[in-house]
Amino acid sequence: MTLKMENINKDLLAPCGLYCGACAIFIAHRDNNEKFKKALLPVYKMFAKSIDDIACTGCLSEGIVFPVCQSCPIKKCTNKRELEGCFECDDWPCKYITNFPIQKAKNVMMRTIPTWREMGTQKFVELEEERYRCPECGNQLFRGVRKCNKCDTTVELD
């Protein structure tokens, strides 16, 4: 699959390298999947009171941005430095990355930022889209998933 730059949704290009197209909250909201939203609610109970709060249109969108991403210090830093993302920063990895509180997310950032830096936005997005597809049935997956919800194939992505 080859994406053209004009086909890349820039709202999904989180500066930290956590591609929003592979975010469970984004996918649940995009697909209006109430069952998925209900499953996510306990995980994000600090930020969401109901399934209506499990909503996001991408970290950089003008629409709905999940509270965690609204107040993200990494996003604030890249905005202040006038960078598209950490992949452009000479100080990466910085304290925001090294002190990131969620280890799995930090691991993903440590994997994605060098790739984004080396290969550019188009290839970075292509690789993330490809990575988060079930190898058996092609179903779109999300970061942190352990099994495909369509064919039950066990996956190890992050």
N, C-alpha and C. Protein backbone atom coordinates (compact mmCIF):
# COMPACT_ATOMS: atom_id res chain seq x y z
N MET A 1 0.84 -1.18 0.00
CA MET A 1 0.00 0.00 0.00
C MET A 1 0.89 1.24 0.00
N THR A 2 0.67 2.12 -0.94
CA THR A 2 1.41 3.37 -0.99
C THR A 2 0.42 4.52 -0.86
N LEU A 3 0.63 5.35 0.13
CA LEU A 3 -0.20 6.53 0.33
C LEU A 3 0.48 7.72 -0.31
N LYS A 4 -0.31 8.59 -0.89
CA LYS A 4 0.22 9.85 -1.39
C LYS A 4 0.11 10.86 -0.27
N MET A 5 1.04 11.80 -0.20
CA MET A 5 1.03 12.80 0.87
C MET A 5 -0.32 13.48 1.00
N GLU A 6 -0.99 13.74 -0.13
CA GLU A 6 -2.28 14.42 -0.03
C GLU A 6 -3.35 13.52 0.59
N ASN A 7 -3.10 12.21 0.65
CA ASN A 7 -4.04 11.28 1.27
C ASN A 7 -3.77 11.06 2.75
N ILE A 8 -2.73 11.66 3.26
CA ILE A 8 -2.39 11.51 4.68
C ILE A 8 -3.19 12.53 5.48
N ASN A 9 -3.88 12.05 6.48
CA ASN A 9 -4.65 12.92 7.36
C ASN A 9 -3.69 13.50 8.40
N LYS A 10 -3.31 14.74 8.22
CA LYS A 10 -2.32 15.37 9.10
C LYS A 10 -2.83 15.54 10.53
N ASP A 11 -4.14 15.47 10.73
CA ASP A 11 -4.70 15.53 12.08
C ASP A 11 -4.24 14.35 12.93
N LEU A 12 -3.83 13.27 12.26
CA LEU A 12 -3.45 12.04 12.95
C LEU A 12 -1.95 11.95 13.23
N LEU A 13 -1.20 12.97 12.86
CA LEU A 13 0.25 12.96 13.02
C LEU A 13 0.65 13.55 14.36
N ALA A 14 0.39 12.81 15.43
CA ALA A 14 0.75 13.27 16.77
C ALA A 14 2.25 13.55 16.81
N PRO A 15 2.63 14.72 17.30
CA PRO A 15 4.05 15.10 17.30
C PRO A 15 4.96 14.09 18.01
N CYS A 16 4.43 13.37 18.98
CA CYS A 16 5.23 12.43 19.77
C CYS A 16 5.56 11.14 19.03
N GLY A 17 4.87 10.89 17.90
CA GLY A 17 5.10 9.67 17.15
C GLY A 17 4.08 8.58 17.42
N LEU A 18 3.12 8.83 18.31
CA LEU A 18 2.03 7.88 18.53
C LEU A 18 0.96 8.16 17.48
N TYR A 19 1.10 7.56 16.33
CA TYR A 19 0.20 7.80 15.20
C TYR A 19 -1.25 7.57 15.61
N CYS A 20 -2.07 8.61 15.48
CA CYS A 20 -3.47 8.55 15.94
C CYS A 20 -4.31 7.53 15.17
N GLY A 21 -3.90 7.19 13.97
CA GLY A 21 -4.64 6.20 13.20
C GLY A 21 -4.63 4.82 13.84
N ALA A 22 -3.73 4.61 14.80
CA ALA A 22 -3.65 3.34 15.53
C ALA A 22 -4.10 3.49 16.99
N CYS A 23 -4.79 4.60 17.29
CA CYS A 23 -5.25 4.86 18.65
C CYS A 23 -6.64 4.27 18.86
N ALA A 24 -6.81 3.54 19.95
CA ALA A 24 -8.09 2.90 20.25
C ALA A 24 -9.22 3.91 20.38
N ILE A 25 -8.95 5.04 21.02
CA ILE A 25 -10.00 6.06 21.20
C ILE A 25 -10.42 6.64 19.86
N PHE A 26 -9.45 6.96 19.01
CA PHE A 26 -9.74 7.48 17.68
C PHE A 26 -10.58 6.47 16.89
N ILE A 27 -10.15 5.20 16.88
CA ILE A 27 -10.85 4.17 16.11
C ILE A 27 -12.26 3.95 16.63
N ALA A 28 -12.43 3.87 17.95
CA ALA A 28 -13.76 3.66 18.54
C ALA A 28 -14.69 4.81 18.18
N HIS A 29 -14.16 6.03 18.23
CA HIS A 29 -14.97 7.21 17.89
C HIS A 29 -15.29 7.25 16.40
N ARG A 30 -14.27 7.05 15.58
CA ARG A 30 -14.46 7.08 14.12
C ARG A 30 -15.52 6.07 13.67
N ASP A 31 -15.46 4.87 14.27
CA ASP A 31 -16.38 3.80 13.88
C ASP A 31 -17.69 3.84 14.66
N ASN A 32 -17.80 4.79 15.59
CA ASN A 32 -18.97 4.88 16.46
C ASN A 32 -19.29 3.51 17.07
N ASN A 33 -18.24 2.87 17.58
CA ASN A 33 -18.34 1.51 18.11
C ASN A 33 -18.61 1.57 19.62
N GLU A 34 -19.88 1.50 19.99
CA GLU A 34 -20.27 1.63 21.40
C GLU A 34 -19.70 0.51 22.27
N LYS A 35 -19.66 -0.69 21.73
CA LYS A 35 -19.10 -1.82 22.49
C LYS A 35 -17.62 -1.55 22.82
N PHE A 36 -16.88 -1.09 21.84
CA PHE A 36 -15.47 -0.78 22.03
C PHE A 36 -15.31 0.38 23.02
N LYS A 37 -16.14 1.41 22.87
CA LYS A 37 -16.09 2.54 23.79
C LYS A 37 -16.34 2.09 25.23
N LYS A 38 -17.31 1.19 25.42
CA LYS A 38 -17.60 0.67 26.77
C LYS A 38 -16.40 -0.07 27.33
N ALA A 39 -15.70 -0.80 26.48
CA ALA A 39 -14.51 -1.53 26.93
C ALA A 39 -13.36 -0.58 27.28
N LEU A 40 -13.29 0.55 26.60
CA LEU A 40 -12.22 1.52 26.85
C LEU A 40 -12.50 2.41 28.06
N LEU A 41 -13.76 2.58 28.40
CA LEU A 41 -14.13 3.50 29.47
C LEU A 41 -13.40 3.24 30.79
N PRO A 42 -13.33 1.98 31.27
CA PRO A 42 -12.60 1.76 32.53
C PRO A 42 -11.10 2.09 32.44
N VAL A 43 -10.53 1.92 31.29
CA VAL A 43 -9.10 2.20 31.09
C VAL A 43 -8.84 3.71 31.20
N TYR A 44 -9.77 4.50 30.71
CA TYR A 44 -9.59 5.96 30.67
C TYR A 44 -10.53 6.68 31.64
N LYS A 45 -10.90 6.01 32.73
CA LYS A 45 -11.88 6.56 33.67
C LYS A 45 -11.45 7.89 34.29
N MET A 46 -10.16 8.15 34.35
CA MET A 46 -9.68 9.44 34.88
C MET A 46 -10.03 10.60 33.95
N PHE A 47 -10.27 10.29 32.66
CA PHE A 47 -10.48 11.33 31.67
C PHE A 47 -11.86 11.28 31.02
N ALA A 48 -12.59 10.19 31.26
CA ALA A 48 -13.88 10.00 30.60
C ALA A 48 -14.92 9.49 31.60
N LYS A 49 -16.05 10.17 31.65
CA LYS A 49 -17.11 9.78 32.57
C LYS A 49 -18.15 8.87 31.92
N SER A 50 -18.28 8.97 30.60
CA SER A 50 -19.24 8.15 29.86
C SER A 50 -18.65 7.77 28.51
N ILE A 51 -19.34 6.88 27.80
CA ILE A 51 -18.82 6.47 26.49
C ILE A 51 -18.81 7.63 25.51
N ASP A 52 -19.62 8.65 25.77
CA ASP A 52 -19.60 9.83 24.90
C ASP A 52 -18.27 10.57 24.99
N ASP A 53 -17.57 10.40 26.11
CA ASP A 53 -16.28 11.04 26.30
C ASP A 53 -15.14 10.29 25.62
N ILE A 54 -15.40 9.06 25.17
CA ILE A 54 -14.40 8.29 24.43
C ILE A 54 -14.51 8.76 22.98
N ALA A 55 -13.85 9.89 22.72
CA ALA A 55 -13.98 10.54 21.42
C ALA A 55 -12.72 11.34 21.11
N CYS A 56 -12.29 11.25 19.86
CA CYS A 56 -11.15 12.02 19.40
C CYS A 56 -11.11 11.96 17.87
N THR A 57 -10.79 13.10 17.26
CA THR A 57 -10.66 13.14 15.80
C THR A 57 -9.21 13.33 15.38
N GLY A 58 -8.29 13.13 16.33
CA GLY A 58 -6.86 13.21 16.05
C GLY A 58 -6.21 14.30 16.86
N CYS A 59 -5.01 14.05 17.28
CA CYS A 59 -4.24 14.93 18.15
C CYS A 59 -4.18 16.36 17.62
N LEU A 60 -4.03 16.52 16.33
CA LEU A 60 -3.84 17.85 15.75
C LEU A 60 -5.10 18.38 15.07
N SER A 61 -6.23 17.73 15.31
CA SER A 61 -7.46 18.14 14.63
C SER A 61 -8.05 19.39 15.28
N GLU A 62 -8.89 20.04 14.53
CA GLU A 62 -9.65 21.19 15.03
C GLU A 62 -10.92 20.70 15.73
N GLY A 63 -11.20 19.40 15.63
CA GLY A 63 -12.41 18.83 16.21
C GLY A 63 -12.23 18.41 17.65
N ILE A 64 -12.67 17.22 17.97
CA ILE A 64 -12.61 16.69 19.32
C ILE A 64 -11.23 16.10 19.56
N VAL A 65 -10.56 16.55 20.61
CA VAL A 65 -9.26 16.01 20.99
C VAL A 65 -9.40 15.48 22.41
N PHE A 66 -9.04 14.21 22.60
CA PHE A 66 -9.15 13.58 23.91
C PHE A 66 -8.35 14.40 24.94
N PRO A 67 -8.85 14.54 26.17
CA PRO A 67 -8.22 15.40 27.18
C PRO A 67 -6.71 15.17 27.38
N VAL A 68 -6.27 13.93 27.38
CA VAL A 68 -4.85 13.65 27.57
C VAL A 68 -4.02 14.35 26.49
N CYS A 69 -4.50 14.29 25.27
CA CYS A 69 -3.76 14.88 24.15
C CYS A 69 -3.90 16.40 24.11
N GLN A 70 -5.00 16.92 24.63
CA GLN A 70 -5.18 18.39 24.69
C GLN A 70 -4.09 19.02 25.55
N SER A 71 -3.76 18.36 26.65
CA SER A 71 -2.81 18.95 27.61
C SER A 71 -1.42 18.35 27.52
N CYS A 72 -1.12 17.68 26.43
CA CYS A 72 0.16 16.98 26.28
C CYS A 72 1.35 17.94 26.26
N PRO A 73 2.32 17.76 27.16
CA PRO A 73 3.50 18.63 27.17
C PRO A 73 4.38 18.46 25.93
N ILE A 74 4.33 17.28 25.31
CA ILE A 74 5.12 17.06 24.09
C ILE A 74 4.55 17.92 22.96
N LYS A 75 3.24 17.92 22.83
CA LYS A 75 2.59 18.74 21.80
C LYS A 75 2.85 20.22 22.06
N LYS A 76 2.78 20.63 23.32
CA LYS A 76 3.05 22.04 23.66
C LYS A 76 4.49 22.41 23.31
N CYS A 77 5.41 21.50 23.57
CA CYS A 77 6.82 21.75 23.27
C CYS A 77 7.05 21.91 21.76
N THR A 78 6.49 21.00 20.97
CA THR A 78 6.69 21.09 19.52
C THR A 78 6.03 22.35 18.96
N ASN A 79 4.87 22.73 19.52
CA ASN A 79 4.23 23.98 19.08
C ASN A 79 5.12 25.18 19.39
N LYS A 80 5.67 25.21 20.61
CA LYS A 80 6.53 26.31 21.04
C LYS A 80 7.77 26.41 20.14
N ARG A 81 8.31 25.27 19.77
CA ARG A 81 9.52 25.24 18.92
C ARG A 81 9.20 25.35 17.43
N GLU A 82 7.90 25.41 17.12
CA GLU A 82 7.43 25.48 15.73
C GLU A 82 7.91 24.29 14.90
N LEU A 83 7.76 23.11 15.50
CA LEU A 83 8.13 21.85 14.83
C LEU A 83 6.87 21.06 14.54
N GLU A 84 6.90 20.27 13.48
CA GLU A 84 5.78 19.36 13.20
C GLU A 84 5.75 18.23 14.21
N GLY A 85 6.91 17.82 14.68
CA GLY A 85 6.97 16.73 15.63
C GLY A 85 8.37 16.53 16.17
N CYS A 86 8.48 15.62 17.10
CA CYS A 86 9.76 15.31 17.74
C CYS A 86 10.80 14.84 16.72
N PHE A 87 10.34 14.30 15.61
CA PHE A 87 11.29 13.82 14.59
C PHE A 87 12.15 14.94 14.03
N GLU A 88 11.73 16.19 14.20
CA GLU A 88 12.51 17.34 13.72
C GLU A 88 13.39 17.96 14.81
N CYS A 89 13.31 17.43 16.02
CA CYS A 89 13.97 18.07 17.15
C CYS A 89 15.38 17.51 17.39
N ASP A 90 16.33 18.41 17.54
CA ASP A 90 17.72 18.02 17.82
C ASP A 90 17.90 17.54 19.27
N ASP A 91 16.95 17.87 20.13
CA ASP A 91 17.05 17.49 21.55
C ASP A 91 16.36 16.17 21.86
N TRP A 92 15.86 15.47 20.85
CA TRP A 92 15.17 14.20 21.07
C TRP A 92 16.19 13.10 21.32
N PRO A 93 15.96 12.19 22.25
CA PRO A 93 14.85 12.16 23.20
C PRO A 93 15.11 13.10 24.37
N CYS A 94 14.08 13.81 24.75
CA CYS A 94 14.19 14.80 25.82
C CYS A 94 13.50 14.27 27.09
N LYS A 95 13.40 15.13 28.08
CA LYS A 95 12.78 14.75 29.35
C LYS A 95 11.33 14.33 29.18
N TYR A 96 10.62 14.90 28.20
CA TYR A 96 9.22 14.54 27.99
C TYR A 96 9.09 13.09 27.53
N ILE A 97 10.06 12.63 26.78
CA ILE A 97 10.05 11.25 26.31
C ILE A 97 10.62 10.32 27.39
N THR A 98 11.78 10.65 27.90
CA THR A 98 12.42 9.76 28.88
C THR A 98 11.60 9.61 30.16
N ASN A 99 10.82 10.63 30.50
CA ASN A 99 9.98 10.57 31.71
C ASN A 99 8.52 10.24 31.40
N PHE A 100 8.23 9.82 30.18
CA PHE A 100 6.83 9.54 29.82
C PHE A 100 6.29 8.44 30.73
N PRO A 101 5.11 8.66 31.31
CA PRO A 101 4.61 7.76 32.36
C PRO A 101 4.11 6.39 31.90
N ILE A 102 3.84 6.21 30.62
CA ILE A 102 3.31 4.93 30.13
C ILE A 102 4.41 4.25 29.31
N GLN A 103 4.97 3.19 29.86
CA GLN A 103 6.14 2.55 29.25
C GLN A 103 5.88 2.07 27.83
N LYS A 104 4.73 1.42 27.57
CA LYS A 104 4.45 0.93 26.22
C LYS A 104 4.44 2.07 25.21
N ALA A 105 3.80 3.18 25.59
CA ALA A 105 3.73 4.34 24.70
C ALA A 105 5.14 4.91 24.48
N LYS A 106 5.92 4.97 25.54
CA LYS A 106 7.30 5.45 25.43
C LYS A 106 8.09 4.55 24.47
N ASN A 107 7.91 3.24 24.57
CA ASN A 107 8.58 2.30 23.67
C ASN A 107 8.19 2.56 22.22
N VAL A 108 6.89 2.83 22.00
CA VAL A 108 6.43 3.12 20.64
C VAL A 108 7.10 4.39 20.12
N MET A 109 7.14 5.43 20.95
CA MET A 109 7.79 6.68 20.55
C MET A 109 9.25 6.46 20.20
N MET A 110 9.93 5.65 21.00
CA MET A 110 11.35 5.37 20.76
C MET A 110 11.53 4.60 19.45
N ARG A 111 10.51 3.87 19.03
CA ARG A 111 10.56 3.14 17.76
C ARG A 111 10.19 4.06 16.59
N THR A 112 9.14 4.88 16.77
CA THR A 112 8.60 5.62 15.64
C THR A 112 9.37 6.89 15.28
N ILE A 113 9.86 7.61 16.26
CA ILE A 113 10.52 8.88 15.94
C ILE A 113 11.75 8.68 15.04
N PRO A 114 12.63 7.73 15.32
CA PRO A 114 13.75 7.52 14.39
C PRO A 114 13.29 7.11 12.99
N THR A 115 12.24 6.31 12.92
CA THR A 115 11.70 5.91 11.61
C THR A 115 11.16 7.12 10.87
N TRP A 116 10.37 7.92 11.55
CA TRP A 116 9.79 9.13 10.94
C TRP A 116 10.89 10.06 10.47
N ARG A 117 11.91 10.23 11.30
CA ARG A 117 13.04 11.11 10.99
C ARG A 117 13.79 10.60 9.75
N GLU A 118 14.04 9.32 9.71
CA GLU A 118 14.84 8.72 8.63
C GLU A 118 14.07 8.58 7.32
N MET A 119 12.80 8.21 7.41
CA MET A 119 12.06 7.85 6.19
C MET A 119 11.04 8.90 5.73
N GLY A 120 10.76 9.88 6.56
CA GLY A 120 9.80 10.91 6.18
C GLY A 120 8.37 10.52 6.55
N THR A 121 7.50 11.50 6.44
CA THR A 121 6.11 11.34 6.89
C THR A 121 5.36 10.27 6.12
N GLN A 122 5.47 10.28 4.81
CA GLN A 122 4.71 9.33 4.00
C GLN A 122 5.05 7.88 4.37
N LYS A 123 6.32 7.57 4.41
CA LYS A 123 6.73 6.20 4.73
C LYS A 123 6.40 5.85 6.18
N PHE A 124 6.57 6.80 7.09
CA PHE A 124 6.22 6.59 8.49
C PHE A 124 4.75 6.17 8.61
N VAL A 125 3.86 6.91 7.97
CA VAL A 125 2.42 6.60 8.04
C VAL A 125 2.15 5.25 7.39
N GLU A 126 2.76 4.99 6.24
CA GLU A 126 2.57 3.68 5.57
C GLU A 126 2.97 2.54 6.50
N LEU A 127 4.12 2.69 7.16
CA LEU A 127 4.60 1.63 8.05
C LEU A 127 3.69 1.43 9.26
N GLU A 128 3.17 2.52 9.82
CA GLU A 128 2.26 2.41 10.97
C GLU A 128 0.94 1.78 10.54
N GLU A 129 0.43 2.18 9.38
CA GLU A 129 -0.82 1.60 8.87
C GLU A 129 -0.64 0.09 8.63
N GLU A 130 0.49 -0.27 8.08
CA GLU A 130 0.79 -1.68 7.80
C GLU A 130 0.98 -2.46 9.11
N ARG A 131 1.70 -1.89 10.04
CA ARG A 131 1.99 -2.56 11.32
C ARG A 131 0.71 -2.93 12.06
N TYR A 132 -0.26 -2.00 12.05
CA TYR A 132 -1.49 -2.21 12.80
C TYR A 132 -2.60 -2.79 11.94
N ARG A 133 -2.25 -3.81 11.20
CA ARG A 133 -3.19 -4.64 10.42
C ARG A 133 -2.96 -6.08 10.83
N CYS A 134 -4.05 -6.83 10.99
CA CYS A 134 -3.92 -8.24 11.33
C CYS A 134 -3.21 -8.97 10.19
N PRO A 135 -2.17 -9.75 10.51
CA PRO A 135 -1.44 -10.46 9.46
C PRO A 135 -2.28 -11.57 8.80
N GLU A 136 -3.33 -12.01 9.49
CA GLU A 136 -4.18 -13.08 8.94
C GLU A 136 -5.33 -12.55 8.10
N CYS A 137 -6.09 -11.59 8.64
CA CYS A 137 -7.32 -11.15 7.94
C CYS A 137 -7.27 -9.71 7.44
N GLY A 138 -6.23 -8.95 7.81
CA GLY A 138 -6.12 -7.57 7.34
C GLY A 138 -6.94 -6.55 8.12
N ASN A 139 -7.61 -6.99 9.17
CA ASN A 139 -8.41 -6.09 10.00
C ASN A 139 -7.52 -5.02 10.63
N GLN A 140 -8.03 -3.77 10.71
CA GLN A 140 -7.28 -2.70 11.36
C GLN A 140 -7.22 -2.97 12.86
N LEU A 141 -6.02 -2.84 13.43
CA LEU A 141 -5.80 -3.05 14.85
C LEU A 141 -5.42 -1.73 15.49
N PHE A 142 -5.31 -1.73 16.80
CA PHE A 142 -4.92 -0.53 17.52
C PHE A 142 -3.75 -0.83 18.43
N ARG A 143 -3.03 0.23 18.81
CA ARG A 143 -1.89 0.10 19.70
C ARG A 143 -2.31 -0.60 20.98
N GLY A 144 -1.54 -1.57 21.40
CA GLY A 144 -1.80 -2.26 22.65
C GLY A 144 -2.64 -3.52 22.51
N VAL A 145 -3.20 -3.76 21.35
CA VAL A 145 -4.05 -4.95 21.16
C VAL A 145 -3.19 -6.21 21.21
N ARG A 146 -3.80 -7.28 21.71
CA ARG A 146 -3.08 -8.56 21.78
C ARG A 146 -3.68 -9.61 20.86
N LYS A 147 -4.96 -9.41 20.48
CA LYS A 147 -5.64 -10.34 19.58
C LYS A 147 -6.51 -9.56 18.61
N CYS A 148 -6.59 -10.06 17.39
CA CYS A 148 -7.47 -9.46 16.39
C CYS A 148 -8.92 -9.71 16.81
N ASN A 149 -9.73 -8.67 16.77
CA ASN A 149 -11.13 -8.83 17.17
C ASN A 149 -11.99 -9.46 16.07
N LYS A 150 -11.43 -9.69 14.91
CA LYS A 150 -12.18 -10.33 13.81
C LYS A 150 -11.87 -11.83 13.74
N CYS A 151 -10.58 -12.19 13.76
CA CYS A 151 -10.22 -13.60 13.53
C CYS A 151 -9.54 -14.25 14.73
N ASP A 152 -9.35 -13.51 15.81
CA ASP A 152 -8.78 -14.02 17.06
C ASP A 152 -7.29 -14.38 16.97
N THR A 153 -6.62 -13.93 15.93
CA THR A 153 -5.18 -14.17 15.80
C THR A 153 -4.44 -13.39 16.87
N THR A 154 -3.52 -14.03 17.55
CA THR A 154 -2.68 -13.37 18.53
C THR A 154 -1.64 -12.52 17.80
N VAL A 155 -1.48 -11.28 18.25
CA VAL A 155 -0.51 -10.37 17.63
C VAL A 155 0.38 -9.78 18.71
N GLU A 156 1.60 -9.47 18.35
CA GLU A 156 2.54 -8.79 19.23
C GLU A 156 3.10 -7.61 18.46
N LEU A 157 2.52 -6.44 18.69
CA LEU A 157 2.84 -5.26 17.88
C LEU A 157 3.71 -4.26 18.62
N ASP A 158 3.51 -4.13 19.91
CA ASP A 158 4.21 -3.07 20.67
C ASP A 158 5.04 -3.65 21.78
